[in-house]
Amino acid sequence: MASTSAVKILLSYDFPGNIRELENIIERAVITCRGSIIKPEDFQIETQESSHVEEDKERIRRVLEQTGWNKSLAAKVLGMHRTTLWRKMKELGIGK
C-alpha cells in the first residue's frame, strides 16, 4: 500500500524511461520500505517538489545560522512573519 503523498509523487513524476523504470522504482520502494505503507521518501527519484523543499530548508538553515538562530531576525531577513518561520521550521525538521 502507498500513502496518498507517495501516489501523488508517482502521478506527477515525468518518467523519462518507460514502464520498466516505473516497475523498478516501485520494486525498490517495496524492498526498502520500512513498514507496510510506501512513503515518498521510499522512492529513489528526485522530484521538483523534493528538490524545492531541500533548497528552502538549506536557505532557512543558512539564514538562521547567520543570525545566530535569532528567529525574529531570520524571519525578517527571509521576508516572512515569525510564526510562518516557526511553522516552516517544524515542517522541515529544522531545530536547535
N, C-alpha and C. Protein backbone atom coordinates (compact mmCIF):
# COMPACT_ATOMS: atom_id res chain seq x y z
N MET A 1 0.84 -1.17 0.00
CA MET A 1 0.00 0.00 0.00
C MET A 1 0.89 1.24 0.00
N ALA A 2 0.41 2.29 -0.64
CA ALA A 2 1.17 3.54 -0.70
C ALA A 2 0.36 4.67 -0.09
N SER A 3 1.06 5.60 0.54
CA SER A 3 0.38 6.77 1.11
C SER A 3 -0.11 7.67 -0.02
N THR A 4 -1.03 8.55 0.31
CA THR A 4 -1.58 9.48 -0.68
C THR A 4 -0.48 10.35 -1.28
N SER A 5 0.44 10.82 -0.44
CA SER A 5 1.52 11.67 -0.95
C SER A 5 2.47 10.89 -1.86
N ALA A 6 2.67 9.61 -1.59
CA ALA A 6 3.52 8.78 -2.46
C ALA A 6 2.86 8.59 -3.82
N VAL A 7 1.56 8.38 -3.82
CA VAL A 7 0.83 8.23 -5.08
C VAL A 7 0.90 9.53 -5.89
N LYS A 8 0.75 10.66 -5.21
CA LYS A 8 0.83 11.96 -5.90
C LYS A 8 2.19 12.14 -6.57
N ILE A 9 3.25 11.72 -5.88
CA ILE A 9 4.59 11.84 -6.46
C ILE A 9 4.70 10.99 -7.72
N LEU A 10 4.23 9.77 -7.65
CA LEU A 10 4.29 8.91 -8.84
C LEU A 10 3.48 9.48 -9.99
N LEU A 11 2.32 10.04 -9.69
CA LEU A 11 1.48 10.61 -10.74
C LEU A 11 2.08 11.87 -11.35
N SER A 12 2.84 12.63 -10.56
CA SER A 12 3.41 13.87 -11.07
C SER A 12 4.80 13.69 -11.69
N TYR A 13 5.42 12.53 -11.48
CA TYR A 13 6.76 12.28 -11.99
C TYR A 13 6.73 12.04 -13.49
N ASP A 14 7.55 12.78 -14.21
CA ASP A 14 7.65 12.63 -15.66
C ASP A 14 8.69 11.55 -15.95
N PHE A 15 8.23 10.33 -16.18
CA PHE A 15 9.13 9.21 -16.37
C PHE A 15 9.90 9.35 -17.68
N PRO A 16 11.20 9.62 -17.59
CA PRO A 16 12.00 9.75 -18.81
C PRO A 16 12.23 8.39 -19.48
N GLY A 17 12.06 7.33 -18.73
CA GLY A 17 12.23 5.98 -19.27
C GLY A 17 10.91 5.44 -19.77
N ASN A 18 10.68 4.19 -19.49
CA ASN A 18 9.44 3.56 -19.93
C ASN A 18 8.79 2.87 -18.74
N ILE A 19 7.89 1.96 -19.00
CA ILE A 19 7.18 1.26 -17.94
C ILE A 19 8.13 0.46 -17.05
N ARG A 20 9.25 0.04 -17.59
CA ARG A 20 10.23 -0.70 -16.77
C ARG A 20 10.82 0.19 -15.68
N GLU A 21 10.99 1.48 -16.00
CA GLU A 21 11.50 2.40 -14.99
C GLU A 21 10.51 2.50 -13.83
N LEU A 22 9.23 2.63 -14.15
CA LEU A 22 8.20 2.68 -13.12
C LEU A 22 8.22 1.39 -12.30
N GLU A 23 8.30 0.28 -12.96
CA GLU A 23 8.35 -1.01 -12.28
C GLU A 23 9.54 -1.09 -11.33
N ASN A 24 10.71 -0.65 -11.78
CA ASN A 24 11.91 -0.68 -10.94
C ASN A 24 11.79 0.24 -9.73
N ILE A 25 11.22 1.41 -9.94
CA ILE A 25 11.04 2.36 -8.83
C ILE A 25 10.12 1.76 -7.77
N ILE A 26 9.04 1.15 -8.20
CA ILE A 26 8.09 0.55 -7.25
C ILE A 26 8.72 -0.65 -6.55
N GLU A 27 9.43 -1.49 -7.29
CA GLU A 27 10.09 -2.66 -6.67
C GLU A 27 11.07 -2.22 -5.59
N ARG A 28 11.90 -1.22 -5.91
CA ARG A 28 12.87 -0.72 -4.92
C ARG A 28 12.17 -0.17 -3.69
N ALA A 29 11.07 0.56 -3.92
CA ALA A 29 10.33 1.13 -2.79
C ALA A 29 9.75 0.03 -1.90
N VAL A 30 9.23 -1.01 -2.51
CA VAL A 30 8.66 -2.13 -1.73
C VAL A 30 9.75 -2.81 -0.91
N ILE A 31 10.91 -2.99 -1.50
CA ILE A 31 12.02 -3.67 -0.83
C ILE A 31 12.59 -2.83 0.31
N THR A 32 12.75 -1.53 0.09
CA THR A 32 13.40 -0.68 1.08
C THR A 32 12.44 -0.03 2.07
N CYS A 33 11.15 -0.16 1.83
CA CYS A 33 10.13 0.46 2.69
C CYS A 33 10.19 -0.13 4.09
N ARG A 34 10.12 0.74 5.07
CA ARG A 34 10.04 0.30 6.46
C ARG A 34 8.59 0.39 6.88
N GLY A 35 7.99 -0.73 7.10
CA GLY A 35 6.58 -0.75 7.45
C GLY A 35 5.76 -1.26 6.28
N SER A 36 4.47 -1.07 6.37
CA SER A 36 3.58 -1.62 5.34
C SER A 36 3.06 -0.56 4.37
N ILE A 37 3.43 0.70 4.59
CA ILE A 37 2.97 1.78 3.71
C ILE A 37 4.17 2.45 3.06
N ILE A 38 4.13 2.53 1.74
CA ILE A 38 5.20 3.21 0.99
C ILE A 38 4.99 4.71 1.12
N LYS A 39 6.06 5.40 1.49
CA LYS A 39 6.03 6.85 1.66
C LYS A 39 6.90 7.50 0.58
N PRO A 40 6.75 8.80 0.35
CA PRO A 40 7.55 9.48 -0.69
C PRO A 40 9.05 9.26 -0.55
N GLU A 41 9.54 9.22 0.68
CA GLU A 41 10.99 9.04 0.87
C GLU A 41 11.47 7.64 0.49
N ASP A 42 10.54 6.71 0.28
CA ASP A 42 10.92 5.36 -0.15
C ASP A 42 11.25 5.29 -1.65
N PHE A 43 10.83 6.31 -2.38
CA PHE A 43 11.14 6.34 -3.81
C PHE A 43 12.53 6.93 -4.01
N GLN A 44 13.28 6.34 -4.89
CA GLN A 44 14.62 6.86 -5.19
C GLN A 44 14.56 7.68 -6.46
N ILE A 45 13.69 8.68 -6.43
CA ILE A 45 13.57 9.59 -7.57
C ILE A 45 13.64 11.01 -7.04
N GLU A 46 14.16 11.89 -7.84
CA GLU A 46 14.26 13.29 -7.48
C GLU A 46 13.14 14.03 -8.18
N THR A 47 12.24 14.59 -7.39
CA THR A 47 11.14 15.35 -7.97
C THR A 47 11.42 16.84 -7.81
N GLN A 48 10.75 17.63 -8.59
CA GLN A 48 10.92 19.08 -8.46
C GLN A 48 10.50 19.51 -7.08
N GLU A 49 9.44 18.90 -6.57
CA GLU A 49 8.94 19.26 -5.25
C GLU A 49 9.97 18.96 -4.17
N SER A 50 10.58 17.79 -4.20
CA SER A 50 11.54 17.44 -3.15
C SER A 50 12.80 18.29 -3.24
N SER A 51 13.25 18.62 -4.45
CA SER A 51 14.44 19.46 -4.56
C SER A 51 14.13 20.88 -4.11
N HIS A 52 12.90 21.35 -4.35
CA HIS A 52 12.50 22.68 -3.88
C HIS A 52 12.46 22.72 -2.36
N VAL A 53 11.94 21.68 -1.74
CA VAL A 53 11.88 21.60 -0.28
C VAL A 53 13.29 21.64 0.30
N GLU A 54 14.20 20.89 -0.29
CA GLU A 54 15.59 20.88 0.19
C GLU A 54 16.25 22.24 0.05
N GLU A 55 15.97 22.93 -1.06
CA GLU A 55 16.52 24.28 -1.26
C GLU A 55 15.99 25.23 -0.19
N ASP A 56 14.67 25.17 0.08
CA ASP A 56 14.08 26.01 1.13
C ASP A 56 14.70 25.71 2.48
N LYS A 57 14.86 24.42 2.78
CA LYS A 57 15.41 24.00 4.07
C LYS A 57 16.82 24.55 4.24
N GLU A 58 17.64 24.45 3.20
CA GLU A 58 19.02 24.96 3.27
C GLU A 58 19.05 26.47 3.42
N ARG A 59 18.17 27.15 2.68
CA ARG A 59 18.12 28.62 2.75
C ARG A 59 17.74 29.07 4.16
N ILE A 60 16.71 28.45 4.72
CA ILE A 60 16.26 28.82 6.07
C ILE A 60 17.35 28.51 7.09
N ARG A 61 17.96 27.34 6.99
CA ARG A 61 19.02 26.96 7.93
C ARG A 61 20.21 27.93 7.84
N ARG A 62 20.57 28.31 6.61
CA ARG A 62 21.70 29.23 6.41
C ARG A 62 21.41 30.59 7.06
N VAL A 63 20.20 31.11 6.85
CA VAL A 63 19.85 32.41 7.44
C VAL A 63 19.80 32.31 8.96
N LEU A 64 19.27 31.22 9.48
CA LEU A 64 19.24 31.04 10.93
C LEU A 64 20.66 31.02 11.51
N GLU A 65 21.55 30.33 10.84
CA GLU A 65 22.94 30.29 11.32
C GLU A 65 23.58 31.68 11.25
N GLN A 66 23.30 32.42 10.17
CA GLN A 66 23.87 33.76 10.02
C GLN A 66 23.35 34.73 11.06
N THR A 67 22.13 34.50 11.54
CA THR A 67 21.53 35.39 12.55
C THR A 67 21.68 34.84 13.96
N GLY A 68 22.50 33.83 14.12
CA GLY A 68 22.70 33.25 15.45
C GLY A 68 21.44 32.59 15.98
N TRP A 69 20.64 32.05 15.09
CA TRP A 69 19.38 31.37 15.41
C TRP A 69 18.36 32.30 16.07
N ASN A 70 18.49 33.60 15.76
CA ASN A 70 17.50 34.57 16.21
C ASN A 70 16.33 34.50 15.23
N LYS A 71 15.25 33.88 15.65
CA LYS A 71 14.12 33.60 14.75
C LYS A 71 13.43 34.87 14.26
N SER A 72 13.33 35.87 15.11
CA SER A 72 12.70 37.12 14.69
C SER A 72 13.51 37.79 13.59
N LEU A 73 14.82 37.86 13.79
CA LEU A 73 15.69 38.47 12.79
C LEU A 73 15.74 37.63 11.51
N ALA A 74 15.80 36.32 11.66
CA ALA A 74 15.84 35.45 10.49
C ALA A 74 14.55 35.59 9.67
N ALA A 75 13.41 35.67 10.34
CA ALA A 75 12.13 35.84 9.64
C ALA A 75 12.13 37.15 8.87
N LYS A 76 12.68 38.19 9.46
CA LYS A 76 12.76 39.50 8.79
C LYS A 76 13.64 39.41 7.55
N VAL A 77 14.79 38.76 7.67
CA VAL A 77 15.70 38.59 6.54
C VAL A 77 15.04 37.78 5.43
N LEU A 78 14.29 36.75 5.82
CA LEU A 78 13.63 35.88 4.84
C LEU A 78 12.35 36.50 4.28
N GLY A 79 11.91 37.61 4.86
CA GLY A 79 10.72 38.30 4.37
C GLY A 79 9.43 37.59 4.71
N MET A 80 9.40 37.00 5.91
CA MET A 80 8.18 36.32 6.34
C MET A 80 7.91 36.64 7.79
N HIS A 81 6.69 36.35 8.23
CA HIS A 81 6.32 36.55 9.61
C HIS A 81 7.01 35.50 10.48
N ARG A 82 7.25 35.86 11.72
CA ARG A 82 7.94 34.96 12.65
C ARG A 82 7.20 33.63 12.82
N THR A 83 5.88 33.66 12.90
CA THR A 83 5.13 32.41 13.07
C THR A 83 5.20 31.54 11.81
N THR A 84 5.31 32.18 10.65
CA THR A 84 5.48 31.41 9.41
C THR A 84 6.81 30.69 9.43
N LEU A 85 7.85 31.38 9.91
CA LEU A 85 9.17 30.74 10.01
C LEU A 85 9.11 29.56 10.98
N TRP A 86 8.48 29.73 12.12
CA TRP A 86 8.37 28.63 13.09
C TRP A 86 7.66 27.43 12.47
N ARG A 87 6.57 27.70 11.74
CA ARG A 87 5.82 26.61 11.10
C ARG A 87 6.68 25.89 10.08
N LYS A 88 7.41 26.66 9.24
CA LYS A 88 8.27 26.05 8.24
C LYS A 88 9.39 25.24 8.89
N MET A 89 9.95 25.75 9.97
CA MET A 89 10.99 25.02 10.67
C MET A 89 10.47 23.68 11.18
N LYS A 90 9.25 23.70 11.70
CA LYS A 90 8.65 22.45 12.20
C LYS A 90 8.40 21.48 11.04
N GLU A 91 7.83 21.99 9.94
CA GLU A 91 7.54 21.14 8.77
C GLU A 91 8.81 20.52 8.17
N LEU A 92 9.90 21.31 8.14
CA LEU A 92 11.13 20.87 7.52
C LEU A 92 12.08 20.16 8.49
N GLY A 93 11.71 20.11 9.76
CA GLY A 93 12.56 19.43 10.74
C GLY A 93 13.82 20.20 11.08
N ILE A 94 13.70 21.52 11.08
CA ILE A 94 14.85 22.36 11.42
C ILE A 94 14.66 22.80 12.86
N GLY A 95 15.65 22.58 13.67
CA GLY A 95 15.51 23.00 15.06
C GLY A 95 16.85 23.14 15.73
N LYS A 96 16.81 23.85 16.81
CA LYS A 96 18.02 24.00 17.61
C LYS A 96 17.61 24.12 19.04
